[in-house]
Amino acid sequence: MSYAGHGYPLPTWTANSVGDIDFKVIKEAGVLYCLLDLDGTFTPTLSMDVCQNAVRNIQTALWEGFIRAACIISNVGVWPLAHRVSAIATKYHLPHHACYWPWPMKPSVKAFEHASALITSDTDHHKFVIIGDQRSDMEATKYGYRTILVPPLGTSTWWNSWKRKMEDDHRRRIGARFPHEL
């Protein structure tokens, strides 16, 4: 596993957005399943507005057989916030896993494995790709998952603005050293 400095894991790939991911390349690399972060990746943080290019690309990848299944995964912190994740996933006919206390949240391997179990009994982490905009999503590389780092959608919230600055620095380091863009 490679690190870009400051303990940040390198993603397997990078992309400009979920809508720009070439799932044919993902399939050729042996990936069969997709776990998709919600906030900042599929929607702006805490928004119900889903990026339509992302929806089209995920649905096309499913219809054309580039991936067998996809699942939304999101750290919501507390149970009442899980309703939003459920509403968005239901609208787009995707299974979902809302991670909240006291159960494991990302970047715990248990959170990724729970989401994986919703779409397949296959436990080979190497057959999955985690698409996300944050370090917690990229930490999945420690457990053998493949990852795709995308820039965050929308603006930062007050509680994660400090973290975004560190992650922006991480993206710059990756951009300089990591040309594997899809």
Protein backbone atom coordinates (compact mmCIF):
# COMPACT_ATOMS: atom_id res chain seq x y z
CA MET A 1 0.00 0.00 0.00
CA SER A 2 1.32 3.44 -0.89
CA TYR A 3 0.98 6.63 1.08
CA ALA A 4 1.09 10.19 -0.16
CA GLY A 5 2.50 11.50 3.11
CA HIS A 6 0.97 12.40 6.47
CA GLY A 7 -0.47 8.89 6.70
CA TYR A 8 -2.85 9.40 3.78
CA PRO A 9 -3.30 6.26 1.66
CA LEU A 10 -3.08 6.59 -2.10
CA PRO A 11 -6.23 5.67 -4.01
CA THR A 12 -6.14 3.04 -6.73
CA TRP A 13 -7.49 5.58 -9.23
CA THR A 14 -8.63 9.19 -9.34
CA ALA A 15 -11.44 10.76 -11.37
CA ASN A 16 -12.86 14.24 -11.86
CA SER A 17 -16.31 13.03 -10.75
CA VAL A 18 -18.40 9.88 -10.46
CA GLY A 19 -19.89 10.80 -13.83
CA ASP A 20 -16.42 10.67 -15.42
CA ILE A 21 -15.44 7.19 -14.21
CA ASP A 22 -14.78 4.71 -17.00
CA PHE A 23 -16.34 1.53 -15.58
CA LYS A 24 -15.05 -0.50 -18.52
CA VAL A 25 -11.52 0.08 -17.17
CA ILE A 26 -12.73 -0.88 -13.70
CA LYS A 27 -14.20 -4.15 -15.01
CA GLU A 28 -11.02 -4.96 -16.93
CA ALA A 29 -9.15 -4.61 -13.62
CA GLY A 30 -11.34 -7.34 -12.11
CA VAL A 31 -13.73 -5.13 -10.14
CA LEU A 32 -17.30 -6.44 -9.99
CA TYR A 33 -18.94 -4.36 -7.24
CA CYS A 34 -19.12 -0.70 -6.27
CA LEU A 35 -19.56 0.92 -2.85
CA LEU A 36 -20.43 4.57 -3.32
CA ASP A 37 -19.99 7.25 -0.66
CA LEU A 38 -22.98 9.58 -0.46
CA ASP A 39 -22.03 12.99 0.97
CA GLY A 40 -19.57 14.89 -1.16
CA THR A 41 -19.42 12.11 -3.77
CA PHE A 42 -22.97 11.39 -4.98
CA THR A 43 -24.58 14.49 -3.40
CA PRO A 44 -23.31 17.71 -1.86
CA THR A 45 -23.02 17.19 1.91
CA LEU A 46 -26.44 16.78 3.58
CA SER A 47 -28.26 17.55 0.33
CA MET A 48 -31.05 15.59 -1.34
CA ASP A 49 -29.77 16.81 -4.73
CA VAL A 50 -28.01 13.91 -6.42
CA CYS A 51 -25.53 14.60 -9.21
CA GLN A 52 -27.41 13.37 -12.28
CA ASN A 53 -24.23 12.61 -14.25
CA ALA A 54 -23.19 10.31 -11.42
CA VAL A 55 -26.58 8.56 -11.44
CA ARG A 56 -26.45 8.05 -15.20
CA ASN A 57 -22.92 6.67 -15.09
CA ILE A 58 -23.66 4.22 -12.24
CA GLN A 59 -26.91 3.08 -13.87
CA THR A 60 -25.20 2.66 -17.26
CA ALA A 61 -22.37 0.66 -15.66
CA LEU A 62 -25.00 -1.63 -14.09
CA TRP A 63 -27.10 -1.96 -17.26
CA GLU A 64 -24.09 -2.66 -19.48
CA GLY A 65 -22.66 -5.17 -17.02
CA PHE A 66 -19.47 -3.28 -16.19
CA ILE A 67 -20.37 -3.74 -12.50
CA ARG A 68 -22.73 -6.36 -11.08
CA ALA A 69 -24.06 -4.30 -8.18
CA ALA A 70 -23.64 -0.98 -6.39
CA CYS A 71 -24.43 0.10 -2.83
CA ILE A 72 -24.51 3.53 -1.22
CA ILE A 73 -22.54 3.77 2.03
CA SER A 74 -22.59 6.82 4.31
CA ASN A 75 -21.44 7.77 7.79
CA VAL A 76 -24.50 9.46 9.29
CA GLY A 77 -23.36 9.41 12.90
CA VAL A 78 -26.78 8.95 14.51
CA TRP A 79 -29.82 6.90 13.52
CA PRO A 80 -32.28 9.77 12.73
CA LEU A 81 -30.03 10.95 9.89
CA ALA A 82 -30.20 7.54 8.21
CA HIS A 83 -33.61 8.40 6.70
CA ARG A 84 -32.02 10.73 4.12
CA VAL A 85 -29.64 7.97 2.95
CA SER A 86 -32.56 5.57 2.66
CA ALA A 87 -34.69 8.05 0.70
CA ILE A 88 -31.95 8.75 -1.85
CA ALA A 89 -31.02 5.07 -2.25
CA THR A 90 -34.68 4.07 -2.66
CA LYS A 91 -35.25 6.75 -5.31
CA TYR A 92 -32.43 5.31 -7.43
CA HIS A 93 -33.10 1.65 -6.61
CA LEU A 94 -29.78 1.10 -4.87
CA PRO A 95 -29.18 -0.78 -1.63
CA HIS A 96 -27.64 1.31 1.13
CA HIS A 97 -25.79 1.12 4.40
CA ALA A 98 -26.06 4.11 6.74
CA CYS A 99 -23.29 3.83 9.35
CA TYR A 100 -24.18 5.20 12.79
CA TRP A 101 -23.27 4.76 16.44
CA PRO A 102 -22.86 2.27 18.08
CA TRP A 103 -22.06 0.22 14.93
CA PRO A 104 -18.82 0.55 12.96
CA MET A 105 -18.45 3.53 10.66
CA LYS A 106 -16.05 4.16 7.79
CA PRO A 107 -13.08 3.65 7.70
CA SER A 108 -13.73 0.47 9.72
CA VAL A 109 -13.47 -2.67 7.59
CA LYS A 110 -16.71 -3.84 9.26
CA ALA A 111 -18.62 -0.91 7.74
CA PHE A 112 -17.37 -1.76 4.24
CA GLU A 113 -18.04 -5.48 4.76
CA HIS A 114 -21.60 -4.80 5.94
CA ALA A 115 -22.32 -2.73 2.82
CA SER A 116 -20.68 -5.41 0.65
CA ALA A 117 -22.89 -8.12 2.17
CA LEU A 118 -25.98 -6.18 1.06
CA ILE A 119 -25.11 -6.75 -2.60
CA THR A 120 -23.17 -10.03 -2.74
CA SER A 121 -21.91 -12.97 -0.73
CA ASP A 122 -18.51 -12.52 -2.40
CA THR A 123 -16.00 -11.55 0.30
CA ASP A 124 -12.96 -10.91 -1.90
CA HIS A 125 -12.26 -7.22 -1.18
CA HIS A 126 -10.20 -6.95 -4.37
CA LYS A 127 -13.42 -7.31 -6.43
CA PHE A 128 -14.85 -4.09 -4.94
CA VAL A 129 -14.20 -0.44 -5.62
CA ILE A 130 -14.96 2.26 -3.05
CA ILE A 131 -15.74 5.62 -4.65
CA GLY A 132 -15.38 8.58 -2.34
CA ASP A 133 -14.14 12.08 -1.72
CA GLN A 134 -12.48 11.67 1.68
CA ARG A 135 -9.65 9.94 3.46
CA SER A 136 -12.10 7.63 5.25
CA ASP A 137 -13.04 6.16 1.88
CA MET A 138 -9.40 5.77 0.77
CA GLU A 139 -8.53 3.96 4.02
CA ALA A 140 -10.29 0.94 2.48
CA THR A 141 -7.10 0.23 0.52
CA LYS A 142 -5.65 -1.10 3.81
CA TYR A 143 -8.15 -3.95 3.63
CA GLY A 144 -7.58 -4.83 -0.04
CA TYR A 145 -10.41 -2.77 -1.56
CA ARG A 146 -9.71 -0.73 -4.67
CA THR A 147 -10.57 2.97 -4.39
CA ILE A 148 -11.39 5.93 -6.59
CA LEU A 149 -10.85 9.41 -5.19
CA VAL A 150 -13.10 12.16 -6.61
CA PRO A 151 -13.20 15.87 -5.70
CA PRO A 152 -16.00 16.77 -3.27
CA LEU A 153 -19.31 18.07 -4.59
CA GLY A 154 -20.55 21.35 -3.13
CA THR A 155 -19.06 23.41 -0.35
CA SER A 156 -17.72 22.28 2.99
CA THR A 157 -19.81 22.40 6.12
CA TRP A 158 -18.49 24.16 9.21
CA TRP A 159 -17.68 20.84 10.91
CA ASN A 160 -15.58 19.45 8.10
CA SER A 161 -13.96 22.58 6.65
CA TRP A 162 -10.71 21.97 8.60
CA LYS A 163 -10.61 18.41 7.30
CA ARG A 164 -11.22 19.56 3.70
CA LYS A 165 -8.10 21.73 3.82
CA MET A 166 -5.98 18.71 4.77
CA GLU A 167 -7.67 16.61 2.09
CA ASP A 168 -7.13 19.32 -0.52
CA ASP A 169 -3.42 19.24 0.34
CA HIS A 170 -3.56 15.44 -0.02
CA ARG A 171 -5.16 15.78 -3.47
CA ARG A 172 -2.38 18.12 -4.59
CA ARG A 173 0.27 15.62 -3.45
CA ILE A 174 -1.56 12.83 -5.27
CA GLY A 175 -1.89 14.92 -8.42
CA ALA A 176 1.85 15.46 -8.47
CA ARG A 177 2.73 11.80 -7.87
CA PHE A 178 -0.21 9.74 -9.01
CA PRO A 179 -1.23 9.89 -12.68
CA HIS A 180 -3.73 6.97 -12.66
CA GLU A 181 -6.76 9.03 -13.58
CA LEU A 182 -9.71 7.22 -15.12
